[in-house]
Amino acid sequence: MPPRGKLNGGERTAPLRTCVGCRVRAVKSDLLRLVVVEGVITLDLRGQLHGRGASLHPSLSCLELAERRRAFPRAFRTGGTLDAARVRSYLEGFAGRLNRNVM
């Protein structure tokens, strides 16, 4: 059973996950779920893809930390290098949308 934590200001609990980049624990809904499909790291936005998952904050800095630390092969328990280009392009677009909404 995964550890559960209390949400701020209430009695409800939510599942916690650890970001593979910065290693900070956060509520599952604040993180992106990633899975490996044929050697490529893929976003699992609906949480329905099969396989071992890893969690990541939706920021390029956490992705870069995970790549620098070589955390993806450990998190997915695979050998060799994994392609994170899809995740990088998604996060770059995500950051662009956030910047446009702020201005």
N, C-alpha and C. Protein backbone atom coordinates (compact mmCIF):
# COMPACT_ATOMS: atom_id res chain seq x y z
N MET A 1 0.85 -1.17 0.00
CA MET A 1 0.00 0.00 0.00
C MET A 1 0.89 1.24 0.00
N PRO A 2 0.67 2.17 -0.94
CA PRO A 2 1.51 3.36 -1.00
C PRO A 2 1.26 4.26 0.20
N PRO A 3 2.28 5.02 0.62
CA PRO A 3 2.08 5.94 1.73
C PRO A 3 1.07 7.02 1.35
N ARG A 4 0.31 7.45 2.33
CA ARG A 4 -0.71 8.46 2.07
C ARG A 4 -0.43 9.67 2.96
N GLY A 5 -0.74 10.84 2.47
CA GLY A 5 -0.49 12.06 3.22
C GLY A 5 -1.72 12.92 3.32
N LYS A 6 -1.76 13.79 4.27
CA LYS A 6 -2.90 14.68 4.45
C LYS A 6 -2.78 15.89 3.53
N LEU A 7 -3.91 16.27 2.98
CA LEU A 7 -3.96 17.50 2.20
C LEU A 7 -4.08 18.68 3.15
N ASN A 8 -3.64 19.85 2.71
CA ASN A 8 -3.73 21.04 3.56
C ASN A 8 -5.18 21.42 3.80
N GLY A 9 -5.52 21.67 5.05
CA GLY A 9 -6.83 22.20 5.38
C GLY A 9 -7.96 21.20 5.37
N GLY A 10 -7.70 19.93 5.49
CA GLY A 10 -8.81 18.99 5.49
C GLY A 10 -8.42 17.63 6.03
N GLU A 11 -9.39 16.79 6.18
CA GLU A 11 -9.17 15.46 6.70
C GLU A 11 -8.93 14.44 5.59
N ARG A 12 -9.11 14.83 4.35
CA ARG A 12 -8.96 13.89 3.24
C ARG A 12 -7.48 13.56 3.02
N THR A 13 -7.23 12.37 2.54
CA THR A 13 -5.87 11.96 2.24
C THR A 13 -5.72 11.77 0.74
N ALA A 14 -4.51 11.87 0.26
CA ALA A 14 -4.23 11.69 -1.16
C ALA A 14 -2.93 10.90 -1.29
N PRO A 15 -2.82 10.08 -2.34
CA PRO A 15 -1.58 9.34 -2.53
C PRO A 15 -0.40 10.27 -2.83
N LEU A 16 0.75 9.95 -2.29
CA LEU A 16 1.96 10.72 -2.53
C LEU A 16 2.89 9.95 -3.45
N ARG A 17 3.64 10.67 -4.28
CA ARG A 17 4.64 10.09 -5.15
C ARG A 17 5.90 10.94 -5.05
N THR A 18 7.03 10.39 -5.45
CA THR A 18 8.30 11.11 -5.43
C THR A 18 8.72 11.43 -6.86
N CYS A 19 9.07 12.67 -7.10
CA CYS A 19 9.56 13.10 -8.41
C CYS A 19 10.94 12.48 -8.63
N VAL A 20 11.15 11.86 -9.80
CA VAL A 20 12.44 11.23 -10.08
C VAL A 20 13.52 12.27 -10.34
N GLY A 21 13.14 13.52 -10.60
CA GLY A 21 14.12 14.57 -10.84
C GLY A 21 14.64 15.19 -9.56
N CYS A 22 13.77 15.86 -8.83
CA CYS A 22 14.19 16.59 -7.63
C CYS A 22 14.06 15.77 -6.36
N ARG A 23 13.42 14.59 -6.43
CA ARG A 23 13.25 13.68 -5.29
C ARG A 23 12.38 14.27 -4.18
N VAL A 24 11.49 15.20 -4.52
CA VAL A 24 10.55 15.78 -3.56
C VAL A 24 9.23 15.03 -3.65
N ARG A 25 8.67 14.67 -2.50
CA ARG A 25 7.38 13.99 -2.47
C ARG A 25 6.28 15.00 -2.67
N ALA A 26 5.29 14.64 -3.50
CA ALA A 26 4.16 15.53 -3.77
C ALA A 26 2.91 14.68 -3.98
N VAL A 27 1.78 15.35 -3.95
CA VAL A 27 0.51 14.68 -4.22
C VAL A 27 0.53 14.16 -5.65
N LYS A 28 0.01 12.97 -5.86
CA LYS A 28 0.04 12.31 -7.16
C LYS A 28 -0.53 13.20 -8.28
N SER A 29 -1.57 13.96 -7.98
CA SER A 29 -2.21 14.79 -9.01
C SER A 29 -1.33 15.96 -9.46
N ASP A 30 -0.30 16.31 -8.70
CA ASP A 30 0.60 17.41 -9.07
C ASP A 30 1.74 16.95 -9.97
N LEU A 31 1.88 15.65 -10.18
CA LEU A 31 2.98 15.09 -10.95
C LEU A 31 2.49 14.46 -12.24
N LEU A 32 3.39 14.34 -13.20
CA LEU A 32 3.11 13.63 -14.45
C LEU A 32 3.53 12.17 -14.29
N ARG A 33 2.73 11.25 -14.81
CA ARG A 33 3.12 9.84 -14.80
C ARG A 33 3.79 9.53 -16.13
N LEU A 34 4.92 8.87 -16.05
CA LEU A 34 5.68 8.49 -17.24
C LEU A 34 5.80 6.97 -17.28
N VAL A 35 5.77 6.40 -18.48
CA VAL A 35 6.01 4.97 -18.68
C VAL A 35 6.92 4.81 -19.89
N VAL A 36 7.53 3.65 -20.02
CA VAL A 36 8.38 3.36 -21.17
C VAL A 36 7.61 2.49 -22.15
N VAL A 37 7.55 2.95 -23.40
CA VAL A 37 6.92 2.19 -24.48
C VAL A 37 7.96 2.04 -25.57
N GLU A 38 8.45 0.82 -25.75
CA GLU A 38 9.44 0.49 -26.78
C GLU A 38 10.67 1.39 -26.71
N GLY A 39 11.21 1.58 -25.51
CA GLY A 39 12.44 2.34 -25.33
C GLY A 39 12.28 3.84 -25.32
N VAL A 40 11.04 4.34 -25.39
CA VAL A 40 10.78 5.77 -25.39
C VAL A 40 9.95 6.12 -24.15
N ILE A 41 10.38 7.12 -23.42
CA ILE A 41 9.61 7.57 -22.26
C ILE A 41 8.40 8.33 -22.76
N THR A 42 7.22 7.89 -22.33
CA THR A 42 5.96 8.42 -22.82
C THR A 42 5.15 8.96 -21.66
N LEU A 43 4.44 10.05 -21.90
CA LEU A 43 3.53 10.60 -20.89
C LEU A 43 2.29 9.73 -20.80
N ASP A 44 1.84 9.50 -19.59
CA ASP A 44 0.61 8.75 -19.35
C ASP A 44 -0.36 9.70 -18.66
N LEU A 45 -0.98 10.59 -19.44
CA LEU A 45 -1.83 11.63 -18.87
C LEU A 45 -3.10 11.07 -18.26
N ARG A 46 -3.59 9.95 -18.77
CA ARG A 46 -4.82 9.35 -18.23
C ARG A 46 -4.55 8.32 -17.14
N GLY A 47 -3.30 7.92 -17.00
CA GLY A 47 -2.96 6.92 -15.98
C GLY A 47 -3.42 5.52 -16.32
N GLN A 48 -3.51 5.20 -17.61
CA GLN A 48 -4.05 3.91 -18.02
C GLN A 48 -3.05 3.03 -18.75
N LEU A 49 -1.86 3.53 -19.03
CA LEU A 49 -0.88 2.72 -19.75
C LEU A 49 -0.29 1.66 -18.83
N HIS A 50 0.01 0.50 -19.41
CA HIS A 50 0.57 -0.59 -18.64
C HIS A 50 2.06 -0.38 -18.43
N GLY A 51 2.58 -0.99 -17.42
CA GLY A 51 4.01 -0.95 -17.16
C GLY A 51 4.34 -0.15 -15.93
N ARG A 52 5.59 -0.23 -15.60
CA ARG A 52 6.09 0.47 -14.42
C ARG A 52 6.11 1.97 -14.69
N GLY A 53 5.60 2.76 -13.77
CA GLY A 53 5.53 4.19 -13.95
C GLY A 53 6.54 4.93 -13.09
N ALA A 54 6.80 6.15 -13.48
CA ALA A 54 7.64 7.06 -12.71
C ALA A 54 6.94 8.42 -12.71
N SER A 55 7.16 9.19 -11.67
CA SER A 55 6.50 10.49 -11.55
C SER A 55 7.51 11.61 -11.71
N LEU A 56 7.05 12.72 -12.29
CA LEU A 56 7.92 13.86 -12.55
C LEU A 56 7.10 15.14 -12.44
N HIS A 57 7.68 16.17 -11.79
CA HIS A 57 7.02 17.48 -11.78
C HIS A 57 6.96 18.00 -13.21
N PRO A 58 5.92 18.73 -13.56
CA PRO A 58 5.82 19.26 -14.93
C PRO A 58 6.72 20.48 -15.15
N SER A 59 8.03 20.29 -14.99
CA SER A 59 8.98 21.38 -15.21
C SER A 59 10.22 20.83 -15.89
N LEU A 60 10.80 21.66 -16.73
CA LEU A 60 12.02 21.26 -17.44
C LEU A 60 13.18 21.05 -16.48
N SER A 61 13.21 21.79 -15.39
CA SER A 61 14.32 21.64 -14.44
C SER A 61 14.32 20.25 -13.81
N CYS A 62 13.16 19.70 -13.49
CA CYS A 62 13.10 18.35 -12.93
C CYS A 62 13.48 17.30 -13.98
N LEU A 63 13.08 17.52 -15.22
CA LEU A 63 13.47 16.60 -16.31
C LEU A 63 14.98 16.61 -16.48
N GLU A 64 15.59 17.80 -16.48
CA GLU A 64 17.04 17.90 -16.63
C GLU A 64 17.77 17.25 -15.47
N LEU A 65 17.25 17.43 -14.26
CA LEU A 65 17.86 16.78 -13.09
C LEU A 65 17.79 15.26 -13.22
N ALA A 66 16.65 14.75 -13.65
CA ALA A 66 16.49 13.30 -13.80
C ALA A 66 17.44 12.76 -14.86
N GLU A 67 17.61 13.49 -15.95
CA GLU A 67 18.53 13.04 -17.00
C GLU A 67 19.97 13.11 -16.51
N ARG A 68 20.34 14.17 -15.81
CA ARG A 68 21.70 14.32 -15.31
C ARG A 68 22.04 13.24 -14.29
N ARG A 69 21.08 12.89 -13.46
CA ARG A 69 21.29 11.88 -12.43
C ARG A 69 21.13 10.46 -12.97
N ARG A 70 20.73 10.33 -14.23
CA ARG A 70 20.46 9.03 -14.86
C ARG A 70 19.42 8.25 -14.04
N ALA A 71 18.36 8.97 -13.68
CA ALA A 71 17.33 8.39 -12.82
C ALA A 71 16.32 7.54 -13.58
N PHE A 72 16.12 7.80 -14.86
CA PHE A 72 15.09 7.07 -15.60
C PHE A 72 15.37 5.57 -15.71
N PRO A 73 16.57 5.13 -16.09
CA PRO A 73 16.80 3.68 -16.14
C PRO A 73 16.59 3.00 -14.79
N ARG A 74 16.96 3.68 -13.71
CA ARG A 74 16.73 3.10 -12.37
C ARG A 74 15.24 3.05 -12.04
N ALA A 75 14.54 4.14 -12.33
CA ALA A 75 13.11 4.21 -11.99
C ALA A 75 12.30 3.17 -12.77
N PHE A 76 12.67 2.97 -14.03
CA PHE A 76 11.94 2.01 -14.86
C PHE A 76 12.53 0.60 -14.82
N ARG A 77 13.66 0.47 -14.12
CA ARG A 77 14.36 -0.81 -14.00
C ARG A 77 14.69 -1.40 -15.37
N THR A 78 15.28 -0.57 -16.21
CA THR A 78 15.71 -0.99 -17.54
C THR A 78 17.19 -0.69 -17.70
N GLY A 79 17.82 -1.34 -18.65
CA GLY A 79 19.22 -1.06 -18.93
C GLY A 79 19.34 -0.11 -20.11
N GLY A 80 20.47 0.54 -20.22
CA GLY A 80 20.72 1.41 -21.36
C GLY A 80 20.08 2.77 -21.20
N THR A 81 20.10 3.53 -22.29
CA THR A 81 19.54 4.88 -22.28
C THR A 81 18.12 4.87 -22.80
N LEU A 82 17.34 5.82 -22.35
CA LEU A 82 15.96 5.96 -22.77
C LEU A 82 15.78 7.33 -23.41
N ASP A 83 14.92 7.39 -24.42
CA ASP A 83 14.68 8.64 -25.14
C ASP A 83 13.59 9.44 -24.44
N ALA A 84 13.92 10.64 -23.98
CA ALA A 84 12.97 11.50 -23.28
C ALA A 84 12.54 12.69 -24.14
N ALA A 85 12.69 12.59 -25.46
CA ALA A 85 12.38 13.71 -26.35
C ALA A 85 10.90 14.08 -26.31
N ARG A 86 10.01 13.10 -26.21
CA ARG A 86 8.57 13.39 -26.16
C ARG A 86 8.23 14.18 -24.89
N VAL A 87 8.79 13.78 -23.81
CA VAL A 87 8.52 14.46 -22.54
C VAL A 87 9.07 15.88 -22.59
N ARG A 88 10.28 16.04 -23.13
CA ARG A 88 10.89 17.37 -23.24
C ARG A 88 10.03 18.29 -24.11
N SER A 89 9.56 17.82 -25.25
CA SER A 89 8.75 18.67 -26.13
C SER A 89 7.42 19.03 -25.46
N TYR A 90 6.83 18.09 -24.72
CA TYR A 90 5.59 18.38 -24.00
C TYR A 90 5.82 19.46 -22.94
N LEU A 91 6.90 19.32 -22.18
CA LEU A 91 7.17 20.29 -21.11
C LEU A 91 7.53 21.66 -21.67
N GLU A 92 8.21 21.71 -22.80
CA GLU A 92 8.51 23.00 -23.43
C GLU A 92 7.22 23.69 -23.87
N GLY A 93 6.30 22.94 -24.44
CA GLY A 93 5.00 23.49 -24.82
C GLY A 93 4.18 23.89 -23.61
N PHE A 94 4.26 23.08 -22.56
CA PHE A 94 3.55 23.36 -21.31
C PHE A 94 4.04 24.66 -20.71
N ALA A 95 5.35 24.86 -20.68
CA ALA A 95 5.93 26.10 -20.15
C ALA A 95 5.54 27.29 -21.01
N GLY A 96 5.48 27.10 -22.32
CA GLY A 96 5.07 28.18 -23.21
C GLY A 96 3.63 28.60 -22.98
N ARG A 97 2.75 27.61 -22.74
CA ARG A 97 1.34 27.93 -22.47
C ARG A 97 1.20 28.65 -21.14
N LEU A 98 1.98 28.25 -20.14
CA LEU A 98 1.92 28.93 -18.84
C LEU A 98 2.38 30.38 -18.96
N ASN A 99 3.45 30.62 -19.71
CA ASN A 99 3.97 31.99 -19.87
C ASN A 99 2.96 32.88 -20.58
N ARG A 100 2.26 32.34 -21.58
CA ARG A 100 1.26 33.15 -22.30
C ARG A 100 0.08 33.48 -21.40
N ASN A 101 -0.31 32.56 -20.51
CA ASN A 101 -1.44 32.80 -19.63
C ASN A 101 -1.11 33.80 -18.52
N VAL A 102 0.14 33.89 -18.13
CA VAL A 102 0.54 34.80 -17.07
C VAL A 102 0.53 36.22 -17.54
N MET A 103 0.94 36.47 -18.78
CA MET A 103 1.06 37.83 -19.30
C MET A 103 -0.27 38.42 -19.65
